[in-house]
Protein backbone atom coordinates (compact mmCIF):
# COMPACT_ATOMS: atom_id res chain seq x y z
CA UNK A 1 -8.05 -18.95 28.00
CA UNK A 2 -11.77 -18.53 27.75
CA UNK A 3 -13.01 -18.49 24.20
CA UNK A 4 -13.10 -14.98 22.78
CA UNK A 5 -16.55 -13.44 22.75
CA UNK A 6 -17.36 -11.22 19.84
CA UNK A 7 -19.61 -8.31 20.66
CA UNK A 8 -21.87 -6.95 17.97
CA UNK A 9 -22.69 -3.34 17.50
CA UNK A 10 -24.37 -1.57 14.65
CA UNK A 11 -21.92 0.54 12.69
CA UNK A 12 -23.40 2.68 9.96
CA UNK A 13 -21.09 2.12 7.02
CA UNK A 14 -21.40 4.60 4.22
CA UNK A 15 -21.99 2.89 0.92
CA UNK A 16 -19.83 4.80 -1.54
CA UNK A 17 -21.23 6.39 -4.63
CA UNK A 18 -19.09 9.08 -6.27
CA UNK A 19 -15.59 8.36 -7.50
CA UNK A 20 -12.60 10.35 -6.30
CA UNK A 21 -9.01 9.54 -5.43
CA UNK A 22 -7.87 9.34 -1.85
CA UNK A 23 -5.11 11.84 -1.30
CA UNK A 24 -3.15 10.60 1.67
CA UNK A 25 -1.68 7.63 -0.17
CA UNK A 26 -0.15 8.65 -3.42
CA UNK A 27 1.88 7.69 -6.43
CA UNK A 28 5.60 7.26 -6.22
CA UNK A 29 8.07 8.37 -8.83
CA UNK A 30 11.22 6.33 -8.52
CA UNK A 31 13.35 5.55 -11.54
CA UNK A 32 10.49 7.49 -13.18
CA UNK A 33 6.84 7.67 -12.08
CA UNK A 34 5.12 4.88 -10.18
CA UNK A 35 2.27 4.02 -7.88
CA UNK A 36 2.63 5.45 -4.43
CA UNK A 37 1.49 2.78 -2.10
CA UNK A 38 -1.70 1.54 -3.66
CA UNK A 39 -4.00 4.01 -5.35
CA UNK A 40 -7.25 4.17 -3.47
CA UNK A 41 -10.51 4.72 -5.30
CA UNK A 42 -12.78 6.36 -2.80
CA UNK A 43 -16.50 6.84 -3.24
CA UNK A 44 -18.59 9.34 -1.30
CA UNK A 45 -22.11 8.85 -0.07
CA UNK A 46 -24.96 10.20 -2.12
CA UNK A 47 -28.17 8.58 -1.12
CA UNK A 48 -27.84 5.07 0.24
CA UNK A 49 -26.28 3.49 3.27
CA UNK A 50 -26.16 0.10 4.86
CA UNK A 51 -25.72 -1.08 8.40
CA UNK A 52 -22.86 -3.51 8.79
CA UNK A 53 -22.28 -4.93 12.27
CA UNK A 54 -18.66 -4.75 13.32
CA UNK A 55 -17.00 -6.75 16.06
CA UNK A 56 -15.33 -5.07 18.98
CA UNK A 57 -12.39 -6.44 20.90
CA UNK A 58 -13.21 -7.80 24.32
CA UNK A 59 -11.05 -8.38 27.38
CA UNK A 60 -10.46 -11.96 26.28
CA UNK A 61 -9.39 -11.09 22.73
CA UNK A 62 -5.72 -11.98 22.15
CA UNK A 63 -4.81 -8.66 20.54
CA UNK A 64 -1.95 -6.62 21.96
CA UNK A 65 -2.78 -3.29 20.33
CA UNK A 66 -4.59 -1.41 23.11
CA UNK A 67 -1.90 1.18 23.63
CA UNK A 68 -0.95 1.43 19.98
CA UNK A 69 2.67 1.06 20.99
CA UNK A 70 5.34 0.97 18.34
CA UNK A 71 3.39 2.83 15.63
CA UNK A 72 3.72 6.41 14.43
CA UNK A 73 0.62 7.36 16.42
CA UNK A 74 2.61 6.87 19.62
CA UNK A 75 5.00 9.73 18.73
CA UNK A 76 2.96 11.90 16.35
CA UNK A 77 0.27 13.77 18.23
CA UNK A 78 -3.24 13.67 16.73
CA UNK A 79 -2.16 11.33 13.90
CA UNK A 80 -5.02 8.93 14.64
CA UNK A 81 -7.60 11.71 14.49
CA UNK A 82 -6.12 12.94 11.21
CA UNK A 83 -6.30 9.46 9.69
CA UNK A 84 -9.92 9.11 10.79
CA UNK A 85 -10.70 12.37 8.98
CA UNK A 86 -9.29 10.89 5.79
CA UNK A 87 -6.12 12.99 6.01
CA UNK A 88 -8.07 16.18 5.39
CA UNK A 89 -7.70 19.06 5.35
CA UNK A 90 -4.11 18.95 4.17
CA UNK A 91 -3.02 22.06 6.07
CA UNK A 92 -4.15 20.53 9.38
CA UNK A 93 -1.78 17.57 9.16
CA UNK A 94 0.08 17.02 12.44
CA UNK A 95 3.76 17.85 12.54
CA UNK A 96 5.85 14.71 12.10
CA UNK A 97 9.40 14.69 13.51
CA UNK A 98 12.07 12.79 11.62
CA UNK A 99 12.50 9.33 13.08
CA UNK A 100 14.77 6.42 12.24
CA UNK A 101 13.86 3.05 13.70
CA UNK A 102 15.74 -0.27 13.59
CA UNK A 103 17.00 0.10 10.02
CA UNK A 104 20.29 0.53 8.19
CA UNK A 105 21.50 0.93 4.60
CA UNK A 106 23.53 -1.97 3.18
CA UNK A 107 24.39 -3.72 -0.07
CA UNK A 108 21.79 -6.14 -1.35
CA UNK A 109 23.16 -9.70 -1.41
CA UNK A 110 21.94 -10.26 -4.97
CA UNK A 111 23.92 -7.33 -6.42
CA UNK A 112 20.99 -5.00 -7.13
CA UNK A 113 22.74 -2.16 -5.33
CA UNK A 114 21.83 -0.65 -1.98
CA UNK A 115 18.76 -1.14 0.16
CA UNK A 116 17.28 -0.62 3.61
CA UNK A 117 17.49 -3.53 6.07
CA UNK A 118 16.06 -4.30 9.51
CA UNK A 119 18.62 -4.35 12.34
CA UNK A 120 16.34 -6.37 14.63
CA UNK A 121 13.18 -8.44 14.48
CA UNK A 122 10.13 -6.18 14.18
CA UNK A 123 6.42 -6.92 14.31
CA UNK A 124 3.75 -5.77 11.87
CA UNK A 125 2.62 -2.25 12.65
CA UNK A 126 6.02 -1.15 13.98
CA UNK A 127 7.21 2.29 12.90
CA UNK A 128 10.36 2.03 10.82
CA UNK A 129 10.87 5.53 9.50
CA UNK A 130 9.49 9.06 9.42
CA UNK A 131 11.16 11.20 6.78
CA UNK A 132 10.44 14.81 5.97
CA UNK A 133 11.26 15.77 2.38
CA UNK A 134 14.53 17.35 1.32
CA UNK A 135 12.27 19.54 -0.81
CA UNK A 136 8.63 19.51 -1.88
CA UNK A 137 6.68 21.32 -4.59
CA UNK A 138 3.03 21.54 -5.56
CA UNK A 139 1.36 21.47 -8.97
CA UNK A 140 4.80 21.15 -10.54
CA UNK A 141 4.38 18.58 -13.35
CA UNK A 142 7.85 19.14 -14.81
CA UNK A 143 9.53 19.38 -11.39
CA UNK A 144 11.03 22.76 -12.19
CA UNK A 145 10.11 24.26 -8.82
CA UNK A 146 11.43 21.18 -7.05
CA UNK A 147 14.71 21.48 -8.96
CA UNK A 148 14.95 25.18 -8.11
CA UNK A 149 14.53 24.50 -4.38
CA UNK A 150 17.10 21.71 -4.36
CA UNK A 151 19.63 23.71 -6.39
CA UNK A 152 19.27 26.68 -4.07
CA UNK A 153 19.85 24.59 -0.95
CA UNK A 154 22.69 22.56 -2.50
CA UNK A 155 24.51 25.73 -3.56
CA UNK A 156 24.53 26.97 0.03
CA UNK A 157 25.16 23.75 1.96
CA UNK A 158 27.96 21.28 1.07
CA UNK A 159 26.46 18.65 3.38
CA UNK A 160 23.09 18.93 1.65
CA UNK A 161 24.81 18.58 -1.73
CA UNK A 162 26.72 15.54 -0.57
CA UNK A 163 23.50 13.93 0.63
CA UNK A 164 21.93 14.63 -2.76
CA UNK A 165 24.92 13.01 -4.45
CA UNK A 166 24.46 9.91 -2.30
CA UNK A 167 21.32 9.18 -4.35
CA UNK A 168 21.60 7.48 -7.73
CA UNK A 169 21.22 9.64 -10.83
CA UNK A 170 21.29 6.72 -13.29
CA UNK A 171 20.29 3.10 -12.89
CA UNK A 172 23.88 1.94 -13.39
CA UNK A 173 25.19 4.32 -10.72
CA UNK A 174 23.30 2.28 -8.09
CA UNK A 175 26.15 -0.23 -8.19
CA UNK A 176 29.00 2.33 -8.08
CA UNK A 177 27.84 4.51 -5.21
CA UNK A 178 29.16 3.84 -1.73
CA UNK A 179 26.92 2.76 1.13
CA UNK A 180 26.48 5.90 3.26
CA UNK A 181 26.56 5.61 7.04
CA UNK A 182 23.36 6.20 8.99
CA UNK A 183 25.13 8.97 10.93
CA UNK A 184 25.76 10.77 7.66
CA UNK A 185 22.25 10.27 6.34
CA UNK A 186 20.55 11.44 9.53
CA UNK A 187 22.89 14.27 10.51
CA UNK A 188 21.82 17.89 10.14
CA UNK A 189 24.73 19.33 12.08
CA UNK A 190 27.03 21.78 10.30
CA UNK A 191 29.92 20.19 12.22
CA UNK A 192 29.44 17.03 10.19
CA UNK A 193 30.49 18.79 7.02
CA UNK A 194 34.12 18.38 8.05
CA UNK A 195 33.92 14.60 8.22
CA UNK A 196 35.47 12.38 5.54
CA UNK A 197 32.09 11.75 3.93
CA UNK A 198 31.77 15.43 2.98
CA UNK A 199 35.36 16.14 1.97
CA UNK A 200 35.72 17.26 -1.65
CA UNK A 201 32.10 16.87 -2.77
CA UNK A 202 31.53 16.21 -6.44
CA UNK A 203 31.06 19.25 -8.69
CA UNK A 204 27.80 21.13 -8.39
CA UNK A 205 25.71 20.15 -11.42
CA UNK A 206 22.01 21.09 -11.75
CA UNK A 207 21.60 18.56 -14.56
CA UNK A 208 22.65 15.75 -12.25
CA UNK A 209 20.25 17.00 -9.59
CA UNK A 210 17.43 16.81 -12.13
CA UNK A 211 18.46 13.23 -12.94
CA UNK A 212 18.34 12.45 -9.22
CA UNK A 213 14.84 13.91 -9.07
CA UNK A 214 13.64 11.86 -12.01
CA UNK A 215 14.92 8.62 -10.48
CA UNK A 216 13.97 9.15 -6.87
CA UNK A 217 11.19 11.69 -6.39
CA UNK A 218 7.72 10.77 -5.19
CA UNK A 219 4.58 12.32 -6.60
CA UNK A 220 0.95 12.06 -5.60
CA UNK A 221 -2.35 13.74 -4.90
CA UNK A 222 -3.53 15.70 -1.91
CA UNK A 223 -6.69 17.60 -1.11
CA UNK A 224 -7.20 21.23 -0.20
CA UNK A 225 -10.88 21.65 0.60
CA UNK A 226 -12.80 20.24 -2.34
CA UNK A 227 -9.92 20.69 -4.76
CA UNK A 228 -7.34 18.06 -5.56
CA UNK A 229 -3.75 19.04 -6.30
CA UNK A 230 -0.50 17.22 -6.92
CA UNK A 231 2.67 17.23 -4.94
CA UNK A 232 6.19 16.13 -5.79
CA UNK A 233 8.87 15.52 -3.16
CA UNK A 234 12.36 14.14 -2.78
CA UNK A 235 13.16 12.11 0.33
CA UNK A 236 16.56 10.83 1.40
CA UNK A 237 16.21 7.49 3.21
CA UNK A 238 12.94 6.42 1.50
CA UNK A 239 14.74 6.77 -1.84
CA UNK A 240 16.98 3.90 -0.76
CA UNK A 241 14.05 1.49 -0.23
CA UNK A 242 13.76 -0.98 -3.08
CA UNK A 243 10.67 -2.33 -4.82
CA UNK A 244 9.28 -5.83 -4.41
CA UNK A 245 6.02 -7.31 -5.68
CA UNK A 246 5.97 -9.13 -2.33
CA UNK A 247 6.55 -6.13 -0.08
CA UNK A 248 6.83 -6.08 3.70
CA UNK A 249 6.40 -2.36 4.44
CA UNK A 250 3.69 0.23 3.81
CA UNK A 251 3.74 4.01 3.70
CA UNK A 252 1.61 7.01 4.48
CA UNK A 253 2.07 10.64 3.50
CA UNK A 254 1.01 13.05 6.24
CA UNK A 255 1.50 16.73 5.51
CA UNK A 256 4.47 15.96 3.29
CA UNK A 257 6.19 13.61 5.76
CA UNK A 258 6.55 9.99 4.69
CA UNK A 259 5.78 7.38 7.35
CA UNK A 260 7.00 3.81 6.81
CA UNK A 261 5.55 0.97 8.90
CA UNK A 262 6.25 -2.75 8.89
CA UNK A 263 3.28 -4.25 7.04
CA UNK A 264 4.14 -7.71 8.31
CA UNK A 265 6.67 -9.24 10.68
CA UNK A 266 10.23 -8.59 9.47
CA UNK A 267 13.28 -10.53 10.62
CA UNK A 268 16.64 -9.06 11.54
CA UNK A 269 18.75 -8.67 8.39
CA UNK A 270 15.74 -8.84 6.06
CA UNK A 271 15.47 -6.17 3.38
CA UNK A 272 12.65 -3.67 3.80
CA UNK A 273 10.68 -3.28 0.58
CA UNK A 274 7.75 -1.29 -0.76
CA UNK A 275 5.89 -1.33 -4.07
CA UNK A 276 6.41 1.18 -6.88
CA UNK A 277 3.37 0.02 -8.87
CA UNK A 278 0.13 -1.69 -7.95
CA UNK A 279 1.15 -5.32 -7.51
CA UNK A 280 -2.31 -6.82 -7.04
CA UNK A 281 -2.19 -8.01 -10.64
CA UNK A 282 -0.74 -10.89 -12.65
CA UNK A 283 2.91 -10.72 -13.68
CA UNK A 284 2.11 -9.62 -17.24
CA UNK A 285 0.10 -6.60 -16.07
CA UNK A 286 2.73 -5.65 -13.48
CA UNK A 287 5.47 -5.78 -16.08
CA UNK A 288 3.46 -3.58 -18.45
CA UNK A 289 2.98 -1.03 -15.66
CA UNK A 290 6.70 -1.05 -14.88
CA UNK A 291 7.56 -0.65 -18.54
CA UNK A 292 5.21 2.31 -18.94
CA UNK A 293 6.78 3.95 -15.89
CA UNK A 294 10.26 3.54 -17.43
CA UNK A 295 11.80 2.08 -14.30
CA UNK A 296 14.89 0.84 -16.07
CA UNK A 297 14.82 -2.52 -14.30
CA UNK A 298 12.75 -5.70 -14.23
CA UNK A 299 11.61 -6.97 -10.86
CA UNK A 300 13.14 -10.35 -9.97
CA UNK A 301 11.60 -10.83 -6.53
CA UNK A 302 10.64 -14.34 -5.42
CA UNK A 303 7.03 -13.80 -6.42
CA UNK A 304 7.99 -12.68 -9.93
CA UNK A 305 10.29 -15.65 -10.38
CA UNK A 306 7.52 -18.04 -9.35
CA UNK A 307 5.08 -16.48 -11.81
CA UNK A 308 7.71 -16.50 -14.58
CA UNK A 309 7.94 -20.27 -14.13
CA UNK A 310 4.17 -20.47 -14.71
CA UNK A 311 4.00 -18.18 -17.74
CA UNK A 312 3.42 -20.93 -20.25
CA UNK A 313 0.51 -22.45 -18.34
CA UNK A 314 -1.07 -19.11 -17.38
CA UNK A 315 -0.38 -17.03 -20.50
CA UNK A 316 -3.91 -17.33 -21.93
CA UNK A 317 -5.73 -16.46 -18.71
CA UNK A 318 -3.26 -13.67 -17.96
CA UNK A 319 -3.89 -12.03 -21.32
CA UNK A 320 -7.65 -12.42 -20.89
CA UNK A 321 -7.46 -10.87 -17.42
CA UNK A 322 -5.58 -7.85 -18.79
CA UNK A 323 -8.15 -7.43 -21.58
CA UNK A 324 -11.16 -7.61 -19.23
CA UNK A 325 -9.98 -5.87 -16.07
CA UNK A 326 -10.74 -2.21 -16.83
CA UNK A 327 -14.20 -2.92 -18.25
CA UNK A 328 -14.97 -5.07 -15.21
CA UNK A 329 -13.98 -2.15 -12.96
CA UNK A 330 -16.54 0.00 -14.78
CA UNK A 331 -19.22 -2.64 -14.21
CA UNK A 332 -18.43 -2.78 -10.48
CA UNK A 333 -18.74 1.01 -10.34
CA UNK A 334 -22.05 0.83 -12.17
CA UNK A 335 -23.35 -1.77 -9.69
CA UNK A 336 -22.32 0.39 -6.77
CA UNK A 337 -23.99 3.51 -8.18
CA UNK A 338 -27.29 1.80 -9.08
CA UNK A 339 -28.12 -0.07 -5.88
CA UNK A 340 -31.71 1.20 -5.75
CA UNK A 341 -32.55 -0.19 -9.17
CA UNK A 342 -29.90 -2.79 -10.09
CA UNK A 343 -29.43 -3.39 -13.83
CA UNK A 344 -30.07 -6.91 -15.18
CA UNK A 345 -27.34 -9.49 -14.82
CA UNK A 346 -26.59 -9.20 -18.54
CA UNK A 347 -25.11 -5.76 -17.78
CA UNK A 348 -22.27 -7.45 -15.92
CA UNK A 349 -21.02 -9.86 -18.55
CA UNK A 350 -17.38 -8.89 -18.05
CA UNK A 351 -17.25 -9.62 -14.33
CA UNK A 352 -18.79 -13.02 -15.08
CA UNK A 353 -16.05 -13.68 -17.63
CA UNK A 354 -13.45 -12.63 -15.10
CA UNK A 355 -14.84 -15.06 -12.53
CA UNK A 356 -14.26 -17.85 -15.05
CA UNK A 357 -10.67 -16.62 -15.34
CA UNK A 358 -10.25 -16.91 -11.58
CA UNK A 359 -11.71 -20.41 -11.51
CA UNK A 360 -9.34 -21.49 -14.27
CA UNK A 361 -6.34 -20.05 -12.42
CA UNK A 362 -7.39 -21.90 -9.25
CA UNK A 363 -7.58 -25.18 -11.12
CA UNK A 364 -4.14 -24.73 -12.66
CA UNK A 365 -2.44 -23.51 -9.48
CA UNK A 366 -3.84 -26.15 -7.14
CA UNK A 367 -3.00 -28.88 -9.64
CA UNK A 368 0.68 -27.81 -9.60
CA UNK A 369 2.33 -30.00 -6.95
CA UNK A 370 5.58 -28.05 -7.24
CA UNK A 371 4.16 -24.89 -5.66
CA UNK A 372 4.18 -24.24 -1.93
CA UNK A 373 1.04 -22.91 -0.22
CA UNK A 374 2.60 -19.44 -0.02
CA UNK A 375 3.51 -19.46 -3.71
CA UNK A 376 -0.06 -20.45 -4.61
CA UNK A 377 -1.32 -17.48 -2.61
CA UNK A 378 1.05 -15.15 -4.46
CA UNK A 379 -0.46 -16.22 -7.77
CA UNK A 380 -4.08 -16.05 -6.56
CA UNK A 381 -3.56 -12.57 -5.08
CA UNK A 382 -2.63 -11.29 -8.53
CA UNK A 383 -5.98 -12.51 -9.89
CA UNK A 384 -8.06 -11.48 -6.86
CA UNK A 385 -10.07 -8.90 -8.80
CA UNK A 386 -11.17 -11.68 -11.15
CA UNK A 387 -12.99 -13.16 -8.16
CA UNK A 388 -14.03 -9.90 -6.49
CA UNK A 389 -15.79 -8.37 -9.51
CA UNK A 390 -18.77 -10.73 -9.36
CA UNK A 391 -18.66 -10.77 -5.54
CA UNK A 392 -18.94 -6.98 -5.34
CA UNK A 393 -21.67 -6.78 -7.99
CA UNK A 394 -23.72 -9.30 -5.99
CA UNK A 395 -22.97 -7.43 -2.78
CA UNK A 396 -23.99 -4.01 -3.99
CA UNK A 397 -27.13 -5.41 -5.62
CA UNK A 398 -28.24 -6.95 -2.30
CA UNK A 399 -26.77 -4.34 0.06
CA UNK A 400 -24.48 -7.17 1.17
CA UNK A 401 -27.40 -9.14 2.58
CA UNK A 402 -27.28 -12.12 0.19
CA UNK A 403 -25.29 -14.21 2.64
CA UNK A 404 -25.38 -17.58 0.79
CA UNK A 405 -23.87 -16.00 -2.32
CA UNK A 406 -21.38 -13.73 -0.57
CA UNK A 407 -20.13 -15.94 2.24
CA UNK A 408 -18.18 -18.71 0.60
CA UNK A 409 -14.77 -19.97 1.61
CA UNK A 410 -13.13 -18.51 -1.48
CA UNK A 411 -13.59 -14.91 -0.39
CA UNK A 412 -11.77 -15.61 2.88
CA UNK A 413 -9.00 -17.36 0.93
CA UNK A 414 -8.71 -14.27 -1.27
CA UNK A 415 -8.17 -12.13 1.85
CA UNK A 416 -5.50 -14.53 3.10
CA UNK A 417 -3.81 -14.51 -0.30
CA UNK A 418 -3.74 -10.70 -0.33
CA UNK A 419 -2.45 -10.57 3.24
CA UNK A 420 0.33 -13.04 2.37
CA UNK A 421 1.32 -11.21 -0.80
CA UNK A 422 0.86 -7.44 -0.38
CA UNK A 423 0.08 -6.78 3.30
CA UNK A 424 -1.09 -3.40 4.55
CA UNK A 425 -3.57 -2.46 1.80
CA UNK A 426 -6.67 -0.42 2.61
CA UNK A 427 -8.48 -2.24 -0.22
CA UNK A 428 -7.92 -5.54 1.60
CA UNK A 429 -9.00 -3.94 4.88
CA UNK A 430 -12.22 -2.80 3.20
CA UNK A 431 -12.90 -6.30 1.87
CA UNK A 432 -12.23 -7.81 5.29
CA UNK A 433 -14.63 -5.39 6.97
CA UNK A 434 -17.40 -6.19 4.50
CA UNK A 435 -16.91 -9.92 5.12
CA UNK A 436 -16.92 -9.36 8.87
CA UNK A 437 -20.28 -7.59 8.67
CA UNK A 438 -21.71 -10.48 6.67
CA UNK A 439 -20.41 -13.21 9.00
CA UNK A 440 -21.86 -11.50 12.04
CA UNK A 441 -25.37 -11.84 10.67
CA UNK A 442 -25.09 -15.58 11.31
CA UNK A 443 -24.66 -17.01 14.80
CA UNK A 444 -23.33 -20.21 13.27
CA UNK A 445 -20.35 -18.30 11.83
CA UNK A 446 -18.89 -17.03 15.11
CA UNK A 447 -15.57 -18.82 14.59
CA UNK A 448 -15.27 -17.43 11.06
CA UNK A 449 -16.16 -13.95 12.38
CA UNK A 450 -13.33 -14.19 14.91
CA UNK A 451 -10.88 -15.27 12.21
CA UNK A 452 -11.88 -12.45 9.86
CA UNK A 453 -11.79 -9.94 12.72
CA UNK A 454 -8.20 -10.89 13.50
CA UNK A 455 -7.28 -10.63 9.81
CA UNK A 456 -8.81 -7.16 9.70
CA UNK A 457 -6.97 -5.94 12.78
CA UNK A 458 -3.69 -7.24 11.38
CA UNK A 459 -4.31 -5.57 8.02
CA UNK A 460 -5.20 -2.31 9.74
CA UNK A 461 -1.94 -2.37 11.70
CA UNK A 462 -0.05 -3.10 8.49
CA UNK A 463 -1.65 -0.18 6.68
CA UNK A 464 -1.69 2.47 9.43
CA UNK A 465 0.74 1.21 12.05
CA UNK A 466 -0.22 0.15 15.56
CA UNK A 467 -3.14 2.15 16.92
CA UNK A 468 -5.37 1.92 19.95
CA UNK A 469 -8.07 -0.69 19.48
CA UNK A 470 -10.93 1.80 19.31
CA UNK A 471 -9.09 3.67 16.56
CA UNK A 472 -8.46 0.42 14.69
CA UNK A 473 -12.18 -0.36 14.70
CA UNK A 474 -13.05 3.10 13.38
CA UNK A 475 -10.41 2.80 10.66
CA UNK A 476 -11.90 -0.55 9.67
CA UNK A 477 -15.35 1.05 9.38
CA UNK A 478 -13.96 3.95 7.37
CA UNK A 479 -12.14 1.59 5.01
CA UNK A 480 -15.48 0.57 3.44
CA UNK A 481 -15.42 3.92 1.63
CA UNK A 482 -12.84 2.23 -0.59
CA UNK A 483 -14.14 -0.28 -3.14
CA UNK A 484 -12.03 -3.44 -2.73
CA UNK A 485 -11.40 -3.88 -6.44
CA UNK A 486 -7.75 -3.66 -7.42
């Protein structure tokens, strides 16, 4: 095959300036409250912009995404256009039909309870699930309206009540509840109420329904015009998807419907997992987040077990990272907002300290001969902001034109670490797009530009599902509205 040719075109990328929270990806409340996907910090344009060249796919490019087959966009009309508008306005969200892909509910082999599993091999970007809520409420901080809606429907419909009772109401009940059949979970026929799975439903108890809400409901932000509001919803099948700090699926909320895509390739029989909290952080910070959310469990995924084995050697740098992170985020925001007259370097002392943390972690991790390459990437992904703080400050100060400073091999390794650890993040897509624009300023970096371009397309598919190539490119451009600091 002839070597892929990368075409350059000027894409005006808006350099963000005012902080707000993106509404289409929200916070999840499961076993209490938790992060819904990854929280996006979005900045709007005020006065400055930069031109970042962005590669386009050519005929020779080995990317099989032209038709966008397999993603939600192939069955949800105008989804791509809605995503490109930033999922606004909320009331114009396209209607999303319920859809169940190659998945089933089964017992987890490690005894955690029930989970959702792939019934066949699926590729990144494949649609796994579209689920409309059993009930949804708005600006309902105590979930009283949500409870009222669920109680009303459960009192009228024995099948609806039985489906509610299939969800755990306490952490310990996860192990006692039966594995419901997919026919039962997806049926909306009144004839089904006479099947064995709906015979003699458990007593109607509003208190138990509230417990189910507190363990399984999702909450997040959405936008109506210029105003931001909060929603809370209870979904059936998504409530059975377990957490992992090394997830393989991503989610979108479109008009109340939850869309689950494969964020990476998933093998037949593999459990489908999402994240309940932001997992682009060291183990110590993730555990603190889980504790504050009152999950009632401690994650024991492979990534967590690897980092637990390194706690003694990384304890000092982990604690320092946690102490410095939030102040470093403020410094990155300051750099972004003051591009016309950058403050002196002394104003960014925290991001410089964090970079030292990252360098120390790299030394320790790469000196450990017992870690595989994948395990090393898991650890580095958790400390990625320790690297990115200084990188972003330098980028915003130079309008991302200081190529020698910005284009080092470490930033590409950070992208690969993020892709290998928490695929399908818009933050990572934003970082990849910035790097792509930088590489394309140098003819000598054509091979690197191709590599980064492919990483960006893969991350875009993981975040938004398979889309047509022109849509993928526009979503990559739009992703730069998000500051890639986790």
